[in-house]
Amino acid sequence: MIVRSEHIRAVLERLDAFPVVAILGPRQIGKTTLAQQVAEVYAGATHRFDLEHPADLNRLLEDPMLVLDELSGLVVIDEIQRRPGLFPVLRVLADRQPRRATFLVLGSASPSLIRQSSESLAGRINYYGLGGLRLNEVGDALSRRWLRGGFPSAFLASGNARAFTWLDGFVRTFLERDLPELGVRVPATAMRRFWTMLGHWHGQVWNASEFARSFGVADTTVRNYLDILSSALVVRQLQPWHANIAKRQVKAPKIYLRDSGVLHSLLGLEDMQSLNSHPKCGASWEGLMLESIIDGLSLRDDEAHFWATHGGAELDLLIARGVKRVGIEIKRTTAPKVTRSIGVAIKDLALDEAIMVHAGKHSYRLAERVRAVAAGRLEADLGLAEFSRA
């Protein structure tokens, strides 16, 4: 088991500030383990309900107010999406003065989950998105983290064969059980084919019409499928940044599968040799670094963008928080250079700094306002303290 210290600290800080905290993420990403680790260091009594356990489900089905009202300390409710009717009850309990209990709820992200909680718990709930294992949590196993992805069960498997057996099972269970539980009524075979095709689109600008022609359905259908996978936190739609400049800029989002292991499983890339020789190798590396930065800095969707012009200038990631602007280019090379795109972006977007994330071992300054940061030292050397959010 990997102790995820940064996440424990962040969740504890939120529990101190809010009566209800929701940890959201796909199944098996480590939400339950993180909640257990939080409970172990929480200063007070803890109580846990798993809504996949029939006994716990029945207890909260009959009279949840009676059961929860008498509890104090930390109350953990796992798989909250199975009982959305609990949110109005939590609102009443969260408003008690003085506060007698703090609630940590875990669940898969879905439109209905967020809508139910937002309506019932506005101003009382804080959302914490849990991603895969961070690079600083895996030590010197960067290549294994890239190949197998960030799901703990896949990363910690005894070999690649077992890791990809687990990943294939995750994809199958996600399509056949998780999505139907979230109210999705799309055949698993159709969604798997769509997800696999999306893997071949990884790192590209989205074109619904072109994708729909390849998939053999209407534009509206592929947009719906894409939104489903995005809402379930397995796909990222990275939105474009639009600057007020006299250049034509790309206005469609870029598409990434959030977990590199799932991407490689869908594409049949189960060892480093296959990955290194595949046309999606560079895009896969880019997605890994991009997710690591967004997760490490706790960037909201409105703070993380890409930028591209039809003239060829682009940034893989543009971080915009407050008045700060930092541009990031990601290259799988050991000898990064200041590109024309970086120069154009610094001038046109008035960047505070540009960063080249690369596959070498050292971080150093390339030019004025341009740094090279080694992927293996990403968290240590990114140096964006002003962007960090607990």
Protein backbone atom coordinates (compact mmCIF):
# COMPACT_ATOMS: atom_id res chain seq x y z
CA MET A 1 0.00 0.00 0.00
CA ILE A 2 1.24 3.48 -0.88
CA VAL A 3 0.54 6.14 1.76
CA ARG A 4 -0.66 9.18 -0.17
CA SER A 5 0.49 11.84 2.29
CA GLU A 6 -0.26 14.92 0.15
CA HIS A 7 -3.84 13.78 -0.44
CA ILE A 8 -4.34 12.96 3.26
CA ARG A 9 -3.20 16.46 4.22
CA ALA A 10 -5.40 18.10 1.58
CA VAL A 11 -8.51 16.16 2.62
CA LEU A 12 -7.93 16.86 6.32
CA GLU A 13 -7.66 20.58 5.59
CA ARG A 14 -10.96 20.47 3.71
CA LEU A 15 -12.64 18.50 6.51
CA ASP A 16 -11.59 21.24 8.91
CA ALA A 17 -13.19 23.92 6.74
CA PHE A 18 -16.34 22.18 5.42
CA PRO A 19 -18.97 19.97 7.07
CA VAL A 20 -19.09 17.73 3.98
CA VAL A 21 -16.20 16.76 1.71
CA ALA A 22 -16.67 14.59 -1.39
CA ILE A 23 -13.79 12.58 -2.86
CA LEU A 24 -14.66 11.95 -6.50
CA GLY A 25 -12.92 9.68 -8.97
CA PRO A 26 -13.37 6.51 -11.00
CA ARG A 27 -13.77 3.20 -9.22
CA GLN A 28 -10.53 1.58 -7.99
CA ILE A 29 -8.53 4.83 -8.13
CA GLY A 30 -7.98 4.60 -4.36
CA LYS A 31 -10.82 6.60 -2.80
CA THR A 32 -11.63 4.00 -0.14
CA THR A 33 -7.97 3.49 0.77
CA LEU A 34 -7.45 7.25 1.02
CA ALA A 35 -10.51 7.56 3.28
CA GLN A 36 -9.10 4.82 5.52
CA GLN A 37 -5.77 6.62 5.72
CA VAL A 38 -7.54 9.89 6.56
CA ALA A 39 -9.58 8.13 9.27
CA GLU A 40 -6.40 6.73 10.83
CA VAL A 41 -5.00 10.20 11.50
CA TYR A 42 -8.30 12.00 12.13
CA ALA A 43 -8.51 13.48 15.63
CA GLY A 44 -11.79 11.95 16.75
CA ALA A 45 -14.14 9.01 16.43
CA THR A 46 -14.77 7.59 12.95
CA HIS A 47 -17.71 5.68 11.49
CA ARG A 48 -17.91 4.04 8.06
CA PHE A 49 -20.79 3.01 5.82
CA ASP A 50 -20.25 1.14 2.54
CA LEU A 51 -23.37 1.41 0.41
CA GLU A 52 -22.30 -1.65 -1.59
CA HIS A 53 -22.63 -3.67 1.64
CA PRO A 54 -26.28 -4.80 2.03
CA ALA A 55 -26.31 -4.24 5.80
CA ASP A 56 -25.01 -0.66 5.56
CA LEU A 57 -27.31 0.09 2.63
CA ASN A 58 -30.35 -1.16 4.54
CA ARG A 59 -29.43 0.85 7.65
CA LEU A 60 -29.34 4.07 5.66
CA LEU A 61 -32.32 3.13 3.53
CA GLU A 62 -34.83 2.74 6.34
CA ASP A 63 -34.24 5.87 8.45
CA PRO A 64 -30.93 7.61 7.64
CA MET A 65 -31.65 10.55 9.95
CA LEU A 66 -32.09 8.24 12.91
CA VAL A 67 -28.81 6.44 12.18
CA LEU A 68 -26.64 9.46 11.34
CA ASP A 69 -28.00 11.99 13.82
CA GLU A 70 -26.52 10.18 16.82
CA LEU A 71 -22.99 10.00 15.39
CA SER A 72 -20.13 12.38 16.11
CA GLY A 73 -16.63 12.72 14.68
CA LEU A 74 -15.89 11.63 11.12
CA VAL A 75 -18.57 9.77 9.17
CA VAL A 76 -17.39 8.11 5.94
CA ILE A 77 -20.04 7.09 3.39
CA ASP A 78 -18.66 5.07 0.46
CA GLU A 79 -20.39 4.72 -2.94
CA ILE A 80 -22.67 7.68 -2.22
CA GLN A 81 -24.03 7.61 -5.79
CA ARG A 82 -26.05 4.52 -4.81
CA ARG A 83 -28.12 6.61 -2.37
CA PRO A 84 -28.46 10.20 -3.69
CA GLY A 85 -31.44 10.68 -1.37
CA LEU A 86 -28.94 11.04 1.48
CA PHE A 87 -27.89 14.53 0.36
CA PRO A 88 -30.91 16.36 1.86
CA VAL A 89 -30.28 14.50 5.13
CA LEU A 90 -26.64 15.56 5.09
CA ARG A 91 -27.73 19.17 4.60
CA VAL A 92 -29.76 19.07 7.82
CA LEU A 93 -26.92 17.40 9.73
CA ALA A 94 -24.32 19.81 8.30
CA ASP A 95 -26.29 22.81 9.58
CA ARG A 96 -26.31 21.70 13.22
CA GLN A 97 -24.59 24.12 15.61
CA PRO A 98 -22.21 23.34 17.04
CA ARG A 99 -21.02 20.90 14.40
CA ARG A 100 -21.17 17.38 15.82
CA ALA A 101 -20.01 15.37 12.83
CA THR A 102 -18.08 15.89 9.61
CA PHE A 103 -19.00 13.81 6.57
CA LEU A 104 -16.58 12.36 4.04
CA VAL A 105 -18.49 10.94 1.08
CA LEU A 106 -16.94 8.92 -1.73
CA GLY A 107 -18.29 8.26 -5.19
CA SER A 108 -17.90 8.21 -8.92
CA ALA A 109 -18.42 11.58 -10.55
CA SER A 110 -21.62 11.86 -12.51
CA PRO A 111 -23.94 14.70 -13.52
CA SER A 112 -26.68 13.44 -11.20
CA LEU A 113 -24.31 13.11 -8.24
CA ILE A 114 -22.95 16.61 -8.62
CA ARG A 115 -26.40 18.07 -9.26
CA GLN A 116 -27.94 16.38 -6.21
CA SER A 117 -25.13 17.43 -3.89
CA SER A 118 -24.87 20.95 -5.28
CA GLU A 119 -28.58 21.60 -4.86
CA SER A 120 -28.79 20.18 -1.35
CA LEU A 121 -25.38 21.16 0.00
CA ALA A 122 -24.54 24.46 -1.67
CA GLY A 123 -21.90 26.23 0.42
CA ARG A 124 -21.51 23.21 2.70
CA ILE A 125 -19.61 20.75 0.47
CA ASN A 126 -16.12 20.76 -1.03
CA TYR A 127 -15.15 18.46 -3.90
CA TYR A 128 -11.78 16.75 -4.04
CA GLY A 129 -10.87 15.00 -7.28
CA LEU A 130 -8.58 12.00 -6.78
CA GLY A 131 -6.35 11.07 -9.69
CA GLY A 132 -3.90 8.25 -10.21
CA LEU A 133 -0.64 7.81 -8.33
CA ARG A 134 1.48 10.95 -8.58
CA LEU A 135 5.03 10.77 -9.89
CA ASN A 136 6.48 11.63 -6.49
CA GLU A 137 4.52 8.71 -5.01
CA VAL A 138 6.18 6.08 -7.22
CA GLY A 139 9.86 6.85 -6.57
CA ASP A 140 12.13 5.92 -9.47
CA ALA A 141 9.47 3.79 -11.19
CA LEU A 142 8.50 6.44 -13.74
CA SER A 143 8.55 4.03 -16.69
CA ARG A 144 6.30 1.55 -14.85
CA ARG A 145 3.94 4.39 -13.86
CA TRP A 146 3.78 5.48 -17.51
CA LEU A 147 3.19 2.00 -18.92
CA ARG A 148 0.73 0.69 -16.33
CA GLY A 149 -0.95 3.96 -15.37
CA GLY A 150 -1.89 5.34 -11.98
CA PHE A 151 -4.45 2.85 -10.65
CA PRO A 152 -2.74 1.37 -7.57
CA SER A 153 -3.78 -2.22 -8.38
CA ALA A 154 -2.22 -2.02 -11.84
CA PHE A 155 0.91 -0.18 -10.74
CA LEU A 156 1.58 -2.55 -7.82
CA ALA A 157 0.89 -5.78 -9.79
CA SER A 158 3.70 -8.34 -9.75
CA GLY A 159 4.25 -8.06 -13.50
CA ASN A 160 3.01 -6.39 -16.67
CA ALA A 161 0.82 -9.37 -17.60
CA ARG A 162 -1.08 -9.17 -14.31
CA ALA A 163 -1.27 -5.38 -14.52
CA PHE A 164 -2.92 -5.48 -17.94
CA THR A 165 -5.22 -8.33 -16.93
CA TRP A 166 -6.41 -6.03 -14.14
CA LEU A 167 -6.75 -3.06 -16.52
CA ASP A 168 -8.78 -5.10 -18.99
CA GLY A 169 -11.04 -6.16 -16.14
CA PHE A 170 -11.39 -2.56 -15.01
CA VAL A 171 -12.48 -1.46 -18.49
CA ARG A 172 -14.98 -4.32 -18.73
CA THR A 173 -16.45 -3.70 -15.27
CA PHE A 174 -16.58 0.05 -15.87
CA LEU A 175 -18.59 -0.45 -19.07
CA GLU A 176 -20.82 -3.30 -17.92
CA ARG A 177 -21.54 -2.22 -14.33
CA ASP A 178 -20.29 1.26 -13.39
CA LEU A 179 -21.82 3.20 -16.28
CA PRO A 180 -25.25 1.51 -15.97
CA GLU A 181 -25.23 2.35 -12.24
CA LEU A 182 -24.73 5.98 -13.22
CA GLY A 183 -27.80 5.81 -15.46
CA VAL A 184 -25.97 5.37 -18.78
CA ARG A 185 -27.95 3.26 -21.23
CA VAL A 186 -25.34 2.67 -23.94
CA PRO A 187 -24.40 -0.91 -24.92
CA ALA A 188 -21.02 -1.88 -23.46
CA THR A 189 -19.72 -3.09 -26.83
CA ALA A 190 -20.50 0.24 -28.50
CA MET A 191 -18.91 2.23 -25.69
CA ARG A 192 -15.80 0.04 -25.67
CA ARG A 193 -15.37 0.57 -29.41
CA PHE A 194 -15.84 4.30 -28.93
CA TRP A 195 -13.36 4.38 -26.03
CA THR A 196 -10.77 2.45 -28.08
CA MET A 197 -11.20 4.80 -31.04
CA LEU A 198 -10.82 7.69 -28.61
CA GLY A 199 -7.49 6.20 -27.57
CA HIS A 200 -6.28 6.61 -31.16
CA TRP A 201 -7.45 10.25 -30.91
CA HIS A 202 -5.52 10.82 -27.65
CA GLY A 203 -3.73 14.19 -27.68
CA GLN A 204 -5.55 15.51 -30.76
CA VAL A 205 -8.00 18.37 -31.26
CA TRP A 206 -11.55 17.04 -31.21
CA ASN A 207 -13.49 16.94 -34.47
CA ALA A 208 -16.95 15.50 -33.83
CA SER A 209 -17.94 15.31 -37.49
CA GLU A 210 -14.82 13.42 -38.53
CA PHE A 211 -15.02 11.09 -35.54
CA ALA A 212 -18.72 10.42 -36.16
CA ARG A 213 -18.04 9.46 -39.78
CA SER A 214 -15.38 7.00 -38.66
CA PHE A 215 -17.64 5.60 -35.96
CA GLY A 216 -20.67 5.43 -38.24
CA VAL A 217 -23.09 7.45 -36.11
CA ALA A 218 -24.39 11.00 -35.82
CA ASP A 219 -22.32 13.91 -34.44
CA THR A 220 -24.68 14.21 -31.48
CA THR A 221 -24.10 10.57 -30.55
CA VAL A 222 -20.31 10.83 -30.32
CA ARG A 223 -20.61 14.11 -28.40
CA ASN A 224 -22.90 12.34 -25.92
CA TYR A 225 -20.49 9.41 -25.56
CA LEU A 226 -17.59 11.80 -25.03
CA ASP A 227 -19.47 13.71 -22.34
CA ILE A 228 -20.34 10.45 -20.57
CA LEU A 229 -16.70 9.37 -20.31
CA SER A 230 -15.63 12.89 -19.33
CA SER A 231 -18.22 13.03 -16.54
CA ALA A 232 -16.98 9.67 -15.24
CA LEU A 233 -13.43 11.13 -15.01
CA VAL A 234 -11.78 8.71 -17.44
CA VAL A 235 -11.45 11.22 -20.30
CA ARG A 236 -10.29 14.83 -20.21
CA GLN A 237 -11.52 17.51 -22.60
CA LEU A 238 -8.79 20.15 -22.36
CA GLN A 239 -10.37 23.40 -23.45
CA PRO A 240 -8.61 25.92 -25.73
CA TRP A 241 -7.45 29.32 -24.55
CA HIS A 242 -8.59 32.28 -26.62
CA ALA A 243 -6.37 35.36 -26.52
CA ASN A 244 -7.28 38.76 -27.93
CA ILE A 245 -4.71 38.65 -30.72
CA ALA A 246 -4.83 39.06 -34.49
CA LYS A 247 -4.36 35.35 -35.20
CA ARG A 248 -6.79 32.54 -35.93
CA GLN A 249 -6.84 30.27 -32.91
CA VAL A 250 -8.02 26.69 -32.43
CA LYS A 251 -11.42 26.64 -30.72
CA ALA A 252 -12.12 22.91 -30.20
CA PRO A 253 -10.92 20.94 -27.15
CA LYS A 254 -8.09 18.43 -27.07
CA ILE A 255 -8.94 14.90 -25.99
CA TYR A 256 -6.90 12.82 -23.52
CA LEU A 257 -7.55 9.52 -21.78
CA ARG A 258 -6.75 10.42 -18.20
CA ASP A 259 -4.95 7.20 -17.28
CA SER A 260 -2.01 6.06 -19.39
CA GLY A 261 -2.50 2.43 -18.38
CA VAL A 262 -6.10 2.40 -19.62
CA LEU A 263 -4.91 4.04 -22.85
CA HIS A 264 -2.26 1.38 -23.36
CA SER A 265 -4.67 -1.43 -22.49
CA LEU A 266 -7.20 -0.25 -25.08
CA LEU A 267 -4.42 0.10 -27.68
CA GLY A 268 -2.85 -3.29 -26.84
CA LEU A 269 0.47 -1.81 -25.69
CA GLU A 270 1.46 -4.11 -22.81
CA ASP A 271 5.23 -3.64 -22.66
CA MET A 272 7.73 -0.82 -23.14
CA GLN A 273 8.93 -2.13 -26.49
CA SER A 274 5.43 -1.98 -27.95
CA LEU A 275 4.83 1.45 -26.43
CA ASN A 276 8.11 2.96 -27.64
CA SER A 277 7.45 1.86 -31.23
CA HIS A 278 3.81 2.96 -31.37
CA PRO A 279 2.71 6.17 -33.18
CA LYS A 280 0.93 7.29 -29.97
CA CYS A 281 4.09 7.05 -27.85
CA GLY A 282 4.71 10.81 -27.79
CA ALA A 283 1.06 11.66 -27.19
CA SER A 284 0.89 9.13 -24.35
CA TRP A 285 3.92 10.71 -22.67
CA GLU A 286 2.37 14.14 -23.13
CA GLY A 287 -0.86 12.99 -21.49
CA LEU A 288 0.99 11.52 -18.51
CA MET A 289 2.89 14.75 -17.86
CA LEU A 290 -0.18 16.89 -18.42
CA GLU A 291 -2.28 14.90 -15.92
CA SER A 292 0.59 14.95 -13.41
CA ILE A 293 0.82 18.74 -13.57
CA ILE A 294 -2.93 19.36 -13.41
CA ASP A 295 -3.34 16.94 -10.50
CA GLY A 296 -0.23 18.12 -8.67
CA LEU A 297 -1.34 21.76 -8.79
CA SER A 298 -5.03 20.93 -8.18
CA LEU A 299 -5.96 22.95 -11.25
CA ARG A 300 -9.64 23.49 -11.93
CA ASP A 301 -10.97 23.00 -15.46
CA ASP A 302 -11.12 26.77 -15.94
CA GLU A 303 -7.43 27.11 -15.01
CA ALA A 304 -5.98 24.52 -17.39
CA HIS A 305 -6.08 25.04 -21.15
CA PHE A 306 -4.07 24.43 -24.29
CA TRP A 307 -3.37 27.12 -26.85
CA ALA A 308 -2.86 26.78 -30.59
CA THR A 309 -3.06 28.98 -33.66
CA HIS A 310 -3.76 27.88 -37.21
CA GLY A 311 -0.29 29.19 -38.02
CA GLY A 312 1.33 26.42 -35.98
CA ALA A 313 2.16 28.08 -32.65
CA GLU A 314 0.94 26.08 -29.67
CA LEU A 315 1.28 25.28 -25.97
CA ASP A 316 0.44 21.85 -24.59
CA LEU A 317 -0.75 23.43 -21.35
CA LEU A 318 -1.52 27.02 -20.37
CA ILE A 319 -1.99 27.56 -16.65
CA ALA A 320 -4.13 30.59 -15.88
CA ARG A 321 -4.83 31.35 -12.23
CA GLY A 322 -5.63 34.92 -11.31
CA VAL A 323 -3.29 37.20 -13.25
CA LYS A 324 -0.55 34.57 -13.57
CA ARG A 325 0.09 32.89 -16.92
CA VAL A 326 2.53 29.99 -17.34
CA GLY A 327 2.93 28.07 -20.58
CA ILE A 328 4.13 24.46 -20.68
CA GLU A 329 5.47 22.43 -23.58
CA ILE A 330 5.98 18.68 -23.15
CA LYS A 331 8.59 16.84 -25.23
CA ARG A 332 9.89 13.29 -24.90
CA THR A 333 13.46 14.31 -25.54
CA THR A 334 16.61 14.57 -23.43
CA ALA A 335 17.75 17.77 -25.18
CA PRO A 336 14.94 20.37 -25.02
CA LYS A 337 15.26 23.57 -27.03
CA VAL A 338 13.40 26.85 -27.03
CA THR A 339 10.93 26.40 -29.88
CA ARG A 340 9.37 28.99 -32.12
CA SER A 341 6.02 28.23 -30.43
CA ILE A 342 7.45 29.12 -27.03
CA GLY A 343 8.77 32.44 -28.34
CA VAL A 344 5.44 33.30 -29.98
CA ALA A 345 3.47 32.30 -26.88
CA ILE A 346 5.65 34.37 -24.52
CA LYS A 347 5.08 37.43 -26.71
CA ASP A 348 1.43 36.98 -27.69
CA LEU A 349 0.14 35.70 -24.35
CA ALA A 350 2.42 37.80 -22.08
CA LEU A 351 3.52 34.69 -20.20
CA ASP A 352 5.17 35.07 -16.82
CA GLU A 353 7.20 31.98 -17.63
CA ALA A 354 7.47 29.10 -20.08
CA ILE A 355 8.50 25.59 -19.04
CA MET A 356 9.79 22.75 -21.20
CA VAL A 357 9.05 19.39 -19.56
CA HIS A 358 11.46 16.79 -20.95
CA ALA A 359 12.62 13.19 -20.48
CA GLY A 360 16.17 14.01 -19.36
CA LYS A 361 17.55 13.84 -15.83
CA HIS A 362 18.26 17.50 -15.01
CA SER A 363 16.35 20.76 -14.69
CA TYR A 364 17.95 24.03 -15.75
CA ARG A 365 17.31 27.45 -17.29
CA LEU A 366 17.15 27.57 -21.09
CA ALA A 367 16.64 31.29 -21.64
CA GLU A 368 15.07 34.33 -20.05
CA ARG A 369 11.63 33.28 -18.77
CA VAL A 370 12.19 29.72 -20.08
CA ARG A 371 13.12 26.70 -17.94
CA ALA A 372 13.67 23.02 -18.70
CA VAL A 373 12.18 20.68 -16.08
CA ALA A 374 12.99 16.96 -15.96
CA ALA A 375 9.95 14.67 -15.88
CA GLY A 376 11.47 12.61 -13.09
CA ARG A 377 11.71 15.73 -10.93
CA LEU A 378 8.44 17.29 -11.99
CA GLU A 379 6.91 17.92 -8.55
CA ALA A 380 10.22 19.00 -7.01
CA ASP A 381 11.39 21.34 -9.78
CA LEU A 382 8.21 22.71 -11.34
CA GLY A 383 8.54 25.59 -8.89
CA LEU A 384 5.07 27.07 -9.22
CA ALA A 385 4.41 27.65 -5.52
CA GLU A 386 2.07 30.53 -6.30
CA PHE A 387 -0.18 28.12 -8.20
CA SER A 388 -0.33 25.44 -5.54
CA ARG A 389 -3.68 24.94 -3.83
CA ALA A 390 -4.05 22.80 -0.73
